Structure formats: structure tokens, C-alpha cells
Amino acid sequence: TTVLLRHGQTPLSVEKRFSGTIEASLTDLGLEQAAAAARRLRDEPFDLILSSPLKRARQTAEALGRDYTVEDDLRESSFGAWEGMTFAEVRERFPDDLDAWLADPAVPPPGGESLLDTVARVGRVRDRLLAEHPSARVLIVSHVTPIKGLTQLALAAEPTVLYRLHLDLVALTTIDWYSDGPAVLRGFNDTHHVAHLTTAGE
């Protein structure tokens, strides 16, 4: 079983900017969100906790108060030339590239990484976990694209499903992986633990 936790709010998420490999710290609200997620997961047993190496994910993982391991392949997609830009800014400066990226998950942003490349590397993480920890319950602290990618793999869905999934900050997604049958998506984008927090500006 993998329980997937997206990181908390950052200044870039408030401004809706592409924040792939840019390092950004959690806002005060982001820290509150991470603490709320920690309370939600406090009584859940995990055999292993993995985190993206990016600061916003590590800060979210640290709020759990448990040991965790950094896994580089759980980092967000690199958005290349679009890093730090809003969607509107990308639309103005890279209209053709953006159209191509939105039409085909195999197309990367200029100087960046395609969605399918991200799915492939998080798929390798899944494969290692299944091989090395076949019966484990694993918590993964990561980002939108890696979590969507694992969801796509679990559903055996077409890659275009990546465009049709919405994932909120500190949302929880739970997937059961079986050696003798298909994977099962048990929950997606669960944010009940932060319903009491102000989330305007995400």
C-alpha cells in the first residue's frame, strides 16, 4: 500500500506558478497544512516513509515527526524554461510549446521533462518498492505530477488522464498494489484534514 501526500502551500502555489525543481519553502499556511496532515496520519503505521528531495516536500515530511528517506525520483517534473512562470505568462511567451505540451504528455517544456518521463521514473520507484518491500505500507511525500503518475499506473489508464486529475495541496491518495491482481485506487485527493484551514489563494 502506498499513501501519497502532496506537500503544503508555498508562495509559488499561491501565485499559481510552475514550480517544478525550483526550491520553495512552505508558507505559514503550508506549515499548518503539514501539521494537520501529520495529525491525520499520527495513528497510521508505516513501514517506510519516502520524500522528494525538494524542500517543500521535505518540510512536509518533517512535520510528521518520523524518520524518512529522501528518494530523488519522487521530485516534481522539471518545467525547464517555464519554471517560476504563471500559465498566462507561458501562454504569452511560449504559445506553440504550451499547445504541444497540453496535447501530448510525451512532449516536454523547452529544456524540461515530459510528463511521461516523470511517470517512468516514479514507476521505477514503485517497482523497487514492490520488489524490496512487497507487503509494506509506505507513505510517500511528493508533488502533483509524481502522484498523478502513480495514480495513472494504478488505473492502467491512458497517459492523457494526467490532464484530467486535480490534486490539492496536502491531499492524500491511497493505492493498494497486488502481486496477483490489478492495483486498486482506494482514495484520491482526500483533504478532509485541512477542511478547517483557510485555503484561499492555492
N, C-alpha and C. Protein backbone atom coordinates (compact mmCIF):
# COMPACT_ATOMS: atom_id res chain seq x y z
N THR A 1 0.85 -1.20 0.00
CA THR A 1 0.00 0.00 0.00
C THR A 1 0.87 1.24 0.00
N THR A 2 0.56 2.17 -0.87
CA THR A 2 1.23 3.47 -0.86
C THR A 2 0.20 4.53 -0.51
N VAL A 3 0.54 5.34 0.49
CA VAL A 3 -0.25 6.52 0.83
C VAL A 3 0.56 7.71 0.33
N LEU A 4 -0.02 8.48 -0.56
CA LEU A 4 0.69 9.56 -1.25
C LEU A 4 0.20 10.90 -0.71
N LEU A 5 1.13 11.70 -0.23
CA LEU A 5 0.82 13.01 0.36
C LEU A 5 1.49 14.11 -0.45
N ARG A 6 0.68 15.03 -0.97
CA ARG A 6 1.26 16.19 -1.64
C ARG A 6 1.74 17.18 -0.57
N HIS A 7 2.77 17.93 -0.89
CA HIS A 7 3.33 18.92 0.03
C HIS A 7 2.35 20.05 0.30
N GLY A 8 2.67 20.88 1.30
CA GLY A 8 1.85 22.03 1.66
C GLY A 8 2.10 23.24 0.77
N GLN A 9 1.39 24.31 1.08
CA GLN A 9 1.42 25.52 0.27
C GLN A 9 2.79 26.20 0.29
N THR A 10 3.17 26.76 -0.86
CA THR A 10 4.37 27.59 -0.99
C THR A 10 3.96 28.91 -1.63
N PRO A 11 4.84 29.92 -1.62
CA PRO A 11 4.50 31.18 -2.31
C PRO A 11 4.21 30.96 -3.79
N LEU A 12 4.87 29.99 -4.41
CA LEU A 12 4.66 29.74 -5.83
C LEU A 12 3.28 29.12 -6.09
N SER A 13 2.82 28.27 -5.17
CA SER A 13 1.49 27.69 -5.36
C SER A 13 0.41 28.75 -5.14
N VAL A 14 0.66 29.70 -4.25
CA VAL A 14 -0.29 30.80 -4.05
C VAL A 14 -0.46 31.58 -5.34
N GLU A 15 0.65 31.82 -6.03
CA GLU A 15 0.63 32.62 -7.26
C GLU A 15 0.38 31.77 -8.50
N LYS A 16 0.16 30.47 -8.29
CA LYS A 16 -0.12 29.53 -9.39
C LYS A 16 1.00 29.55 -10.44
N ARG A 17 2.22 29.43 -9.97
CA ARG A 17 3.38 29.41 -10.86
C ARG A 17 3.90 27.99 -11.03
N PHE A 18 4.46 27.72 -12.20
CA PHE A 18 5.12 26.43 -12.42
C PHE A 18 6.28 26.32 -11.44
N SER A 19 6.23 25.34 -10.57
CA SER A 19 7.29 25.19 -9.58
C SER A 19 7.75 23.74 -9.56
N GLY A 20 8.45 23.37 -10.60
CA GLY A 20 8.94 22.02 -10.71
C GLY A 20 10.12 21.77 -9.79
N THR A 21 11.30 22.13 -10.27
CA THR A 21 12.51 21.87 -9.49
C THR A 21 12.99 23.11 -8.73
N ILE A 22 12.24 24.21 -8.81
CA ILE A 22 12.57 25.40 -8.02
C ILE A 22 12.42 25.07 -6.54
N GLU A 23 13.37 25.50 -5.74
CA GLU A 23 13.26 25.30 -4.30
C GLU A 23 12.40 26.40 -3.69
N ALA A 24 11.37 26.00 -2.98
CA ALA A 24 10.48 26.95 -2.32
C ALA A 24 10.12 26.40 -0.95
N SER A 25 10.09 27.27 0.03
CA SER A 25 9.72 26.87 1.39
C SER A 25 8.21 26.93 1.56
N LEU A 26 7.70 26.20 2.54
CA LEU A 26 6.29 26.28 2.86
C LEU A 26 5.96 27.65 3.46
N THR A 27 4.78 28.14 3.14
CA THR A 27 4.26 29.34 3.80
C THR A 27 3.81 28.97 5.21
N ASP A 28 3.40 29.98 5.98
CA ASP A 28 2.84 29.69 7.30
C ASP A 28 1.63 28.77 7.19
N LEU A 29 0.79 29.02 6.19
CA LEU A 29 -0.35 28.14 5.98
C LEU A 29 0.12 26.75 5.57
N GLY A 30 1.15 26.69 4.73
CA GLY A 30 1.69 25.40 4.32
C GLY A 30 2.18 24.58 5.51
N LEU A 31 2.81 25.25 6.48
CA LEU A 31 3.26 24.56 7.69
C LEU A 31 2.06 24.07 8.50
N GLU A 32 1.01 24.87 8.56
CA GLU A 32 -0.22 24.45 9.25
C GLU A 32 -0.84 23.24 8.54
N GLN A 33 -0.83 23.29 7.22
CA GLN A 33 -1.37 22.16 6.46
C GLN A 33 -0.58 20.88 6.73
N ALA A 34 0.75 21.02 6.76
CA ALA A 34 1.60 19.85 7.02
C ALA A 34 1.33 19.30 8.42
N ALA A 35 1.15 20.20 9.39
CA ALA A 35 0.86 19.76 10.75
C ALA A 35 -0.49 19.04 10.81
N ALA A 36 -1.47 19.54 10.05
CA ALA A 36 -2.78 18.89 10.01
C ALA A 36 -2.69 17.50 9.39
N ALA A 37 -1.88 17.38 8.34
CA ALA A 37 -1.67 16.07 7.73
C ALA A 37 -1.00 15.12 8.72
N ALA A 38 -0.05 15.64 9.49
CA ALA A 38 0.63 14.81 10.49
C ALA A 38 -0.37 14.30 11.53
N ARG A 39 -1.28 15.16 11.96
CA ARG A 39 -2.30 14.72 12.92
C ARG A 39 -3.19 13.66 12.30
N ARG A 40 -3.54 13.84 11.05
CA ARG A 40 -4.39 12.85 10.36
C ARG A 40 -3.71 11.49 10.30
N LEU A 41 -2.40 11.49 10.09
CA LEU A 41 -1.67 10.23 9.89
C LEU A 41 -1.02 9.70 11.17
N ARG A 42 -1.22 10.40 12.27
CA ARG A 42 -0.50 10.11 13.52
C ARG A 42 -0.61 8.65 13.94
N ASP A 43 -1.80 8.07 13.82
CA ASP A 43 -2.02 6.71 14.32
C ASP A 43 -1.89 5.65 13.24
N GLU A 44 -1.49 6.07 12.04
CA GLU A 44 -1.35 5.10 10.96
C GLU A 44 0.07 4.52 10.96
N PRO A 45 0.19 3.19 10.93
CA PRO A 45 1.51 2.58 10.89
C PRO A 45 2.09 2.59 9.48
N PHE A 46 3.36 2.98 9.36
CA PHE A 46 4.05 2.92 8.08
C PHE A 46 5.37 2.19 8.27
N ASP A 47 5.67 1.29 7.35
CA ASP A 47 6.94 0.57 7.39
C ASP A 47 8.07 1.42 6.83
N LEU A 48 7.71 2.39 6.00
CA LEU A 48 8.71 3.20 5.31
C LEU A 48 8.08 4.53 4.92
N ILE A 49 8.83 5.61 5.06
CA ILE A 49 8.38 6.92 4.60
C ILE A 49 9.43 7.47 3.64
N LEU A 50 8.99 7.84 2.45
CA LEU A 50 9.88 8.39 1.44
C LEU A 50 9.45 9.82 1.11
N SER A 51 10.43 10.66 0.79
CA SER A 51 10.12 12.04 0.43
C SER A 51 10.92 12.45 -0.80
N SER A 52 10.31 13.29 -1.60
CA SER A 52 11.04 14.02 -2.64
C SER A 52 12.16 14.82 -2.00
N PRO A 53 13.25 15.07 -2.73
CA PRO A 53 14.35 15.86 -2.18
C PRO A 53 14.07 17.35 -2.12
N LEU A 54 13.01 17.82 -2.77
CA LEU A 54 12.74 19.25 -2.81
C LEU A 54 12.26 19.74 -1.44
N LYS A 55 12.65 20.97 -1.10
CA LYS A 55 12.46 21.47 0.26
C LYS A 55 11.01 21.44 0.72
N ARG A 56 10.08 21.79 -0.17
CA ARG A 56 8.68 21.85 0.23
C ARG A 56 8.14 20.47 0.64
N ALA A 57 8.64 19.44 -0.02
CA ALA A 57 8.24 18.07 0.35
C ALA A 57 8.92 17.64 1.64
N ARG A 58 10.22 17.96 1.77
CA ARG A 58 10.93 17.58 2.99
C ARG A 58 10.35 18.27 4.22
N GLN A 59 9.97 19.54 4.09
CA GLN A 59 9.35 20.23 5.22
C GLN A 59 8.03 19.56 5.61
N THR A 60 7.28 19.13 4.61
CA THR A 60 6.02 18.42 4.89
C THR A 60 6.30 17.09 5.57
N ALA A 61 7.31 16.38 5.10
CA ALA A 61 7.68 15.10 5.71
C ALA A 61 8.17 15.29 7.14
N GLU A 62 8.94 16.35 7.37
CA GLU A 62 9.48 16.60 8.72
C GLU A 62 8.38 16.88 9.73
N ALA A 63 7.26 17.43 9.27
CA ALA A 63 6.14 17.71 10.17
C ALA A 63 5.55 16.43 10.74
N LEU A 64 5.80 15.30 10.09
CA LEU A 64 5.26 14.04 10.56
C LEU A 64 5.94 13.56 11.84
N GLY A 65 7.17 14.06 12.08
CA GLY A 65 7.89 13.67 13.29
C GLY A 65 8.39 12.24 13.25
N ARG A 66 8.60 11.69 12.07
CA ARG A 66 9.09 10.32 11.93
C ARG A 66 10.31 10.31 11.00
N ASP A 67 11.07 9.24 11.07
CA ASP A 67 12.20 9.11 10.16
C ASP A 67 11.70 8.92 8.74
N TYR A 68 12.42 9.53 7.80
CA TYR A 68 12.06 9.34 6.39
C TYR A 68 13.32 9.30 5.55
N THR A 69 13.17 8.78 4.35
CA THR A 69 14.29 8.65 3.41
C THR A 69 14.01 9.49 2.19
N VAL A 70 14.99 10.24 1.73
CA VAL A 70 14.84 11.05 0.52
C VAL A 70 15.04 10.16 -0.71
N GLU A 71 14.13 10.25 -1.63
CA GLU A 71 14.17 9.49 -2.88
C GLU A 71 14.13 10.48 -4.04
N ASP A 72 15.24 10.60 -4.75
CA ASP A 72 15.36 11.63 -5.79
C ASP A 72 14.31 11.49 -6.89
N ASP A 73 13.92 10.27 -7.23
CA ASP A 73 12.98 10.06 -8.32
C ASP A 73 11.55 10.49 -7.98
N LEU A 74 11.32 10.93 -6.75
CA LEU A 74 10.00 11.42 -6.36
C LEU A 74 9.87 12.93 -6.52
N ARG A 75 10.90 13.59 -7.09
CA ARG A 75 10.84 15.03 -7.30
C ARG A 75 9.79 15.38 -8.35
N GLU A 76 9.39 16.64 -8.35
CA GLU A 76 8.42 17.11 -9.35
C GLU A 76 9.06 17.15 -10.73
N SER A 77 8.25 17.19 -11.76
CA SER A 77 8.75 17.37 -13.12
C SER A 77 9.54 18.67 -13.21
N SER A 78 10.55 18.67 -14.06
CA SER A 78 11.23 19.91 -14.39
C SER A 78 10.46 20.59 -15.52
N PHE A 79 10.09 21.85 -15.29
CA PHE A 79 9.35 22.59 -16.31
C PHE A 79 10.26 23.48 -17.15
N GLY A 80 11.56 23.29 -17.02
CA GLY A 80 12.50 23.96 -17.89
C GLY A 80 12.35 25.47 -17.91
N ALA A 81 12.18 26.01 -19.12
CA ALA A 81 12.10 27.46 -19.30
C ALA A 81 10.86 28.07 -18.64
N TRP A 82 9.90 27.23 -18.27
CA TRP A 82 8.66 27.74 -17.67
C TRP A 82 8.74 27.86 -16.15
N GLU A 83 9.82 27.39 -15.55
CA GLU A 83 9.92 27.42 -14.09
C GLU A 83 9.70 28.85 -13.56
N GLY A 84 8.82 28.97 -12.58
CA GLY A 84 8.56 30.25 -11.95
C GLY A 84 7.57 31.13 -12.68
N MET A 85 7.09 30.69 -13.84
CA MET A 85 6.15 31.48 -14.62
C MET A 85 4.72 31.05 -14.35
N THR A 86 3.76 31.95 -14.53
CA THR A 86 2.35 31.59 -14.45
C THR A 86 1.92 30.98 -15.79
N PHE A 87 0.77 30.33 -15.77
CA PHE A 87 0.23 29.74 -17.01
C PHE A 87 0.03 30.83 -18.05
N ALA A 88 -0.47 31.99 -17.62
CA ALA A 88 -0.72 33.08 -18.56
C ALA A 88 0.58 33.58 -19.18
N GLU A 89 1.65 33.65 -18.38
CA GLU A 89 2.94 34.08 -18.90
C GLU A 89 3.49 33.07 -19.91
N VAL A 90 3.31 31.80 -19.62
CA VAL A 90 3.75 30.78 -20.57
C VAL A 90 2.93 30.86 -21.84
N ARG A 91 1.63 31.07 -21.70
CA ARG A 91 0.76 31.18 -22.88
C ARG A 91 1.21 32.34 -23.77
N GLU A 92 1.64 33.43 -23.15
CA GLU A 92 2.06 34.60 -23.93
C GLU A 92 3.41 34.38 -24.60
N ARG A 93 4.35 33.77 -23.88
CA ARG A 93 5.73 33.68 -24.37
C ARG A 93 6.02 32.39 -25.14
N PHE A 94 5.29 31.31 -24.83
CA PHE A 94 5.56 30.01 -25.46
C PHE A 94 4.26 29.37 -25.94
N PRO A 95 3.45 30.09 -26.74
CA PRO A 95 2.12 29.56 -27.09
C PRO A 95 2.16 28.22 -27.82
N ASP A 96 3.06 28.07 -28.78
CA ASP A 96 3.11 26.82 -29.54
C ASP A 96 3.62 25.67 -28.67
N ASP A 97 4.65 25.95 -27.86
CA ASP A 97 5.18 24.92 -26.98
C ASP A 97 4.12 24.48 -25.96
N LEU A 98 3.36 25.43 -25.44
CA LEU A 98 2.34 25.09 -24.47
C LEU A 98 1.24 24.23 -25.09
N ASP A 99 0.82 24.60 -26.31
CA ASP A 99 -0.20 23.80 -27.00
C ASP A 99 0.29 22.37 -27.20
N ALA A 100 1.55 22.23 -27.59
CA ALA A 100 2.10 20.89 -27.81
C ALA A 100 2.16 20.10 -26.51
N TRP A 101 2.54 20.77 -25.42
CA TRP A 101 2.65 20.12 -24.11
C TRP A 101 1.28 19.66 -23.60
N LEU A 102 0.27 20.51 -23.82
CA LEU A 102 -1.08 20.17 -23.38
C LEU A 102 -1.73 19.09 -24.23
N ALA A 103 -1.22 18.90 -25.42
CA ALA A 103 -1.81 17.91 -26.34
C ALA A 103 -1.17 16.53 -26.22
N ASP A 104 0.07 16.47 -25.71
CA ASP A 104 0.80 15.20 -25.72
C ASP A 104 1.70 15.11 -24.50
N PRO A 105 1.44 14.19 -23.58
CA PRO A 105 2.26 14.07 -22.37
C PRO A 105 3.68 13.60 -22.64
N ALA A 106 3.99 13.23 -23.88
CA ALA A 106 5.36 12.85 -24.21
C ALA A 106 6.20 14.07 -24.60
N VAL A 107 5.56 15.23 -24.74
CA VAL A 107 6.27 16.45 -25.15
C VAL A 107 6.72 17.22 -23.90
N PRO A 108 8.02 17.53 -23.79
CA PRO A 108 8.49 18.30 -22.64
C PRO A 108 8.39 19.79 -22.88
N PRO A 109 8.34 20.60 -21.81
CA PRO A 109 8.53 22.04 -21.98
C PRO A 109 9.95 22.29 -22.47
N PRO A 110 10.22 23.45 -23.05
CA PRO A 110 11.58 23.74 -23.51
C PRO A 110 12.60 23.57 -22.37
N GLY A 111 13.54 22.68 -22.57
CA GLY A 111 14.57 22.46 -21.56
C GLY A 111 14.10 21.68 -20.34
N GLY A 112 12.89 21.13 -20.39
CA GLY A 112 12.33 20.46 -19.23
C GLY A 112 12.12 18.97 -19.45
N GLU A 113 11.20 18.43 -18.69
CA GLU A 113 10.95 16.98 -18.65
C GLU A 113 9.50 16.73 -19.02
N SER A 114 9.24 15.74 -19.84
CA SER A 114 7.87 15.43 -20.20
C SER A 114 7.15 14.74 -19.04
N LEU A 115 5.84 14.81 -19.07
CA LEU A 115 5.04 14.13 -18.05
C LEU A 115 5.31 12.63 -18.07
N LEU A 116 5.47 12.06 -19.26
CA LEU A 116 5.72 10.63 -19.35
C LEU A 116 7.07 10.24 -18.77
N ASP A 117 8.06 11.12 -18.91
CA ASP A 117 9.36 10.85 -18.29
C ASP A 117 9.23 10.81 -16.76
N THR A 118 8.41 11.71 -16.22
CA THR A 118 8.18 11.71 -14.77
C THR A 118 7.48 10.43 -14.34
N VAL A 119 6.45 10.04 -15.09
CA VAL A 119 5.73 8.81 -14.77
C VAL A 119 6.68 7.61 -14.81
N ALA A 120 7.59 7.59 -15.77
CA ALA A 120 8.52 6.47 -15.88
C ALA A 120 9.41 6.36 -14.65
N ARG A 121 9.91 7.50 -14.16
CA ARG A 121 10.82 7.40 -13.00
C ARG A 121 10.08 7.08 -11.71
N VAL A 122 8.84 7.60 -11.54
CA VAL A 122 8.11 7.20 -10.34
C VAL A 122 7.65 5.74 -10.45
N GLY A 123 7.46 5.29 -11.67
CA GLY A 123 7.17 3.87 -11.87
C GLY A 123 8.33 2.99 -11.43
N ARG A 124 9.54 3.47 -11.63
CA ARG A 124 10.71 2.71 -11.16
C ARG A 124 10.75 2.65 -9.64
N VAL A 125 10.36 3.75 -8.99
CA VAL A 125 10.27 3.74 -7.53
C VAL A 125 9.25 2.69 -7.08
N ARG A 126 8.10 2.69 -7.71
CA ARG A 126 7.07 1.69 -7.37
C ARG A 126 7.60 0.28 -7.55
N ASP A 127 8.28 0.04 -8.67
CA ASP A 127 8.80 -1.31 -8.93
C ASP A 127 9.80 -1.74 -7.87
N ARG A 128 10.67 -0.80 -7.44
CA ARG A 128 11.64 -1.14 -6.39
C ARG A 128 10.94 -1.45 -5.07
N LEU A 129 9.91 -0.66 -4.75
CA LEU A 129 9.18 -0.90 -3.52
C LEU A 129 8.49 -2.25 -3.54
N LEU A 130 7.88 -2.61 -4.67
CA LEU A 130 7.21 -3.90 -4.77
C LEU A 130 8.20 -5.05 -4.67
N ALA A 131 9.40 -4.85 -5.19
CA ALA A 131 10.41 -5.90 -5.15
C ALA A 131 11.05 -6.04 -3.78
N GLU A 132 11.34 -4.90 -3.14
CA GLU A 132 12.10 -4.91 -1.89
C GLU A 132 11.22 -4.91 -0.64
N HIS A 133 9.99 -4.38 -0.77
CA HIS A 133 9.08 -4.28 0.39
C HIS A 133 7.68 -4.71 -0.04
N PRO A 134 7.51 -5.95 -0.46
CA PRO A 134 6.25 -6.37 -1.10
C PRO A 134 5.01 -6.27 -0.23
N SER A 135 5.16 -6.32 1.09
CA SER A 135 3.98 -6.28 1.97
C SER A 135 3.93 -5.01 2.81
N ALA A 136 4.75 -4.03 2.45
CA ALA A 136 4.89 -2.84 3.28
C ALA A 136 3.75 -1.84 3.06
N ARG A 137 3.57 -1.00 4.07
CA ARG A 137 2.71 0.17 3.96
C ARG A 137 3.63 1.37 3.93
N VAL A 138 3.62 2.09 2.81
CA VAL A 138 4.61 3.13 2.55
C VAL A 138 3.92 4.49 2.39
N LEU A 139 4.45 5.48 3.08
CA LEU A 139 3.99 6.86 2.90
C LEU A 139 4.98 7.58 2.00
N ILE A 140 4.47 8.22 0.96
CA ILE A 140 5.29 8.96 0.01
C ILE A 140 4.87 10.42 0.02
N VAL A 141 5.81 11.31 0.30
CA VAL A 141 5.55 12.75 0.29
C VAL A 141 6.13 13.31 -1.01
N SER A 142 5.28 13.84 -1.87
CA SER A 142 5.76 14.21 -3.20
C SER A 142 4.96 15.38 -3.76
N HIS A 143 4.73 15.37 -5.06
CA HIS A 143 4.21 16.51 -5.80
C HIS A 143 3.10 16.07 -6.74
N VAL A 144 2.50 17.04 -7.42
CA VAL A 144 1.36 16.76 -8.28
C VAL A 144 1.67 15.69 -9.33
N THR A 145 2.69 15.92 -10.16
CA THR A 145 2.91 15.02 -11.28
C THR A 145 3.30 13.61 -10.85
N PRO A 146 4.21 13.42 -9.90
CA PRO A 146 4.50 12.05 -9.46
C PRO A 146 3.28 11.32 -8.89
N ILE A 147 2.45 12.03 -8.12
CA ILE A 147 1.27 11.39 -7.53
C ILE A 147 0.26 11.05 -8.62
N LYS A 148 0.04 11.98 -9.55
CA LYS A 148 -0.83 11.67 -10.68
C LYS A 148 -0.28 10.50 -11.49
N GLY A 149 1.05 10.46 -11.64
CA GLY A 149 1.66 9.38 -12.41
C GLY A 149 1.43 8.02 -11.79
N LEU A 150 1.60 7.91 -10.48
CA LEU A 150 1.34 6.64 -9.81
C LEU A 150 -0.13 6.27 -9.89
N THR A 151 -1.00 7.28 -9.85
CA THR A 151 -2.44 7.03 -9.99
C THR A 151 -2.75 6.50 -11.38
N GLN A 152 -2.14 7.10 -12.39
CA GLN A 152 -2.34 6.63 -13.77
C GLN A 152 -1.89 5.18 -13.91
N LEU A 153 -0.73 4.85 -13.34
CA LEU A 153 -0.22 3.48 -13.42
C LEU A 153 -1.15 2.51 -12.70
N ALA A 154 -1.67 2.93 -11.54
CA ALA A 154 -2.56 2.06 -10.78
C ALA A 154 -3.85 1.77 -11.56
N LEU A 155 -4.34 2.78 -12.26
CA LEU A 155 -5.59 2.63 -13.02
C LEU A 155 -5.38 2.01 -14.39
N ALA A 156 -4.11 1.81 -14.78
CA ALA A 156 -3.79 1.33 -16.13
C ALA A 156 -4.49 2.21 -17.17
N ALA A 157 -4.50 3.51 -16.90
CA ALA A 157 -5.21 4.47 -17.75
C ALA A 157 -4.30 5.02 -18.83
N GLU A 158 -4.89 5.58 -19.85
CA GLU A 158 -4.12 6.25 -20.90
C GLU A 158 -3.40 7.46 -20.29
N PRO A 159 -2.22 7.80 -20.81
CA PRO A 159 -1.47 8.93 -20.26
C PRO A 159 -2.22 10.25 -20.24
N THR A 160 -3.19 10.42 -21.16
CA THR A 160 -3.94 11.67 -21.19
C THR A 160 -4.78 11.88 -19.92
N VAL A 161 -4.94 10.83 -19.10
CA VAL A 161 -5.67 11.01 -17.84
C VAL A 161 -4.93 11.98 -16.92
N LEU A 162 -3.63 12.15 -17.14
CA LEU A 162 -2.85 13.08 -16.33
C LEU A 162 -3.39 14.50 -16.40
N TYR A 163 -4.03 14.84 -17.53
CA TYR A 163 -4.60 16.18 -17.69
C TYR A 163 -5.96 16.30 -17.00
N ARG A 164 -6.52 15.19 -16.57
CA ARG A 164 -7.90 15.17 -16.09
C ARG A 164 -8.00 14.91 -14.59
N LEU A 165 -6.87 14.93 -13.91
CA LEU A 165 -6.83 14.71 -12.46
C LEU A 165 -6.45 16.00 -11.76
N HIS A 166 -7.19 16.35 -10.72
CA HIS A 166 -6.87 17.54 -9.93
C HIS A 166 -6.41 17.11 -8.55
N LEU A 167 -5.32 17.70 -8.09
CA LEU A 167 -4.75 17.33 -6.80
C LEU A 167 -4.51 18.58 -5.97
N ASP A 168 -5.15 18.67 -4.81
CA ASP A 168 -4.99 19.82 -3.94
C ASP A 168 -3.74 19.68 -3.07
N LEU A 169 -3.36 20.79 -2.45
CA LEU A 169 -2.25 20.78 -1.51
C LEU A 169 -2.55 19.86 -0.33
N VAL A 170 -1.54 19.17 0.15
CA VAL A 170 -1.59 18.17 1.25
C VAL A 170 -2.72 17.15 1.10
N ALA A 171 -3.13 16.89 -0.13
CA ALA A 171 -4.13 15.86 -0.37
C ALA A 171 -3.51 14.48 -0.20
N LEU A 172 -4.33 13.54 0.25
CA LEU A 172 -3.91 12.15 0.41
C LEU A 172 -4.54 11.28 -0.66
N THR A 173 -3.73 10.40 -1.22
CA THR A 173 -4.18 9.43 -2.23
C THR A 173 -3.66 8.06 -1.78
N THR A 174 -4.51 7.05 -1.84
CA THR A 174 -4.12 5.73 -1.35
C THR A 174 -4.31 4.68 -2.44
N ILE A 175 -3.25 3.90 -2.66
CA ILE A 175 -3.27 2.86 -3.69
C ILE A 175 -2.80 1.54 -3.08
N ASP A 176 -3.56 0.48 -3.33
CA ASP A 176 -3.13 -0.87 -2.98
C ASP A 176 -2.59 -1.55 -4.23
N TRP A 177 -1.40 -2.11 -4.12
CA TRP A 177 -0.78 -2.83 -5.24
C TRP A 177 -0.79 -4.32 -4.91
N TYR A 178 -1.23 -5.15 -5.84
CA TYR A 178 -1.34 -6.59 -5.62
C TYR A 178 -0.44 -7.35 -6.58
N SER A 179 0.20 -8.41 -6.07
CA SER A 179 1.05 -9.24 -6.93
C SER A 179 0.23 -10.19 -7.78
N ASP A 180 -1.03 -10.45 -7.36
CA ASP A 180 -1.85 -11.44 -8.06
C ASP A 180 -3.09 -10.82 -8.68
N GLY A 181 -3.07 -9.51 -8.88
CA GLY A 181 -4.22 -8.86 -9.48
C GLY A 181 -3.95 -7.40 -9.73
N PRO A 182 -4.95 -6.67 -10.23
CA PRO A 182 -4.74 -5.26 -10.55
C PRO A 182 -4.64 -4.39 -9.29
N ALA A 183 -3.97 -3.27 -9.43
CA ALA A 183 -3.91 -2.30 -8.35
C ALA A 183 -5.29 -1.69 -8.13
N VAL A 184 -5.51 -1.16 -6.93
CA VAL A 184 -6.81 -0.58 -6.58
C VAL A 184 -6.59 0.81 -5.99
N LEU A 185 -7.26 1.79 -6.57
CA LEU A 185 -7.23 3.15 -6.04
C LEU A 185 -8.29 3.25 -4.95
N ARG A 186 -7.84 3.39 -3.69
CA ARG A 186 -8.77 3.39 -2.56
C ARG A 186 -9.25 4.80 -2.20
N GLY A 187 -8.46 5.80 -2.53
CA GLY A 187 -8.84 7.17 -2.25
C GLY A 187 -8.00 8.12 -3.07
N PHE A 188 -8.58 9.27 -3.44
CA PHE A 188 -7.84 10.24 -4.25
C PHE A 188 -8.20 11.65 -3.81
N ASN A 189 -7.19 12.49 -3.65
CA ASN A 189 -7.37 13.91 -3.35
C ASN A 189 -8.20 14.13 -2.08
N ASP A 190 -7.91 13.37 -1.04
CA ASP A 190 -8.61 13.50 0.24
C ASP A 190 -7.99 14.65 1.04
N THR A 191 -8.80 15.68 1.31
CA THR A 191 -8.31 16.86 2.04
C THR A 191 -9.14 17.15 3.30
N HIS A 192 -9.81 16.14 3.83
CA HIS A 192 -10.66 16.37 5.00
C HIS A 192 -9.87 16.94 6.18
N HIS A 193 -8.60 16.59 6.26
CA HIS A 193 -7.78 17.01 7.40
C HIS A 193 -7.45 18.50 7.38
N VAL A 194 -7.66 19.17 6.26
CA VAL A 194 -7.39 20.61 6.20
C VAL A 194 -8.64 21.42 5.89
N ALA A 195 -9.80 20.79 6.04
CA ALA A 195 -11.05 21.50 5.74
C ALA A 195 -11.25 22.71 6.65
N HIS A 196 -10.63 22.70 7.83
CA HIS A 196 -10.81 23.78 8.79
C HIS A 196 -9.85 24.94 8.54
N LEU A 197 -8.91 24.76 7.62
CA LEU A 197 -7.92 25.81 7.35
C LEU A 197 -8.36 26.68 6.19
N THR A 198 -7.91 27.92 6.21
CA THR A 198 -8.17 28.83 5.09
C THR A 198 -7.28 28.42 3.93
N THR A 199 -7.89 28.12 2.79
CA THR A 199 -7.12 27.65 1.64
C THR A 199 -7.22 28.60 0.45
N ALA A 200 -7.71 29.81 0.68
CA ALA A 200 -7.81 30.77 -0.43
C ALA A 200 -6.42 31.05 -0.98
N GLY A 201 -6.35 31.16 -2.30
CA GLY A 201 -5.08 31.50 -2.93
C GLY A 201 -4.22 30.33 -3.29
N GLU A 202 -4.72 29.10 -3.15
CA GLU A 202 -3.93 27.94 -3.55
C GLU A 202 -3.77 27.90 -5.05
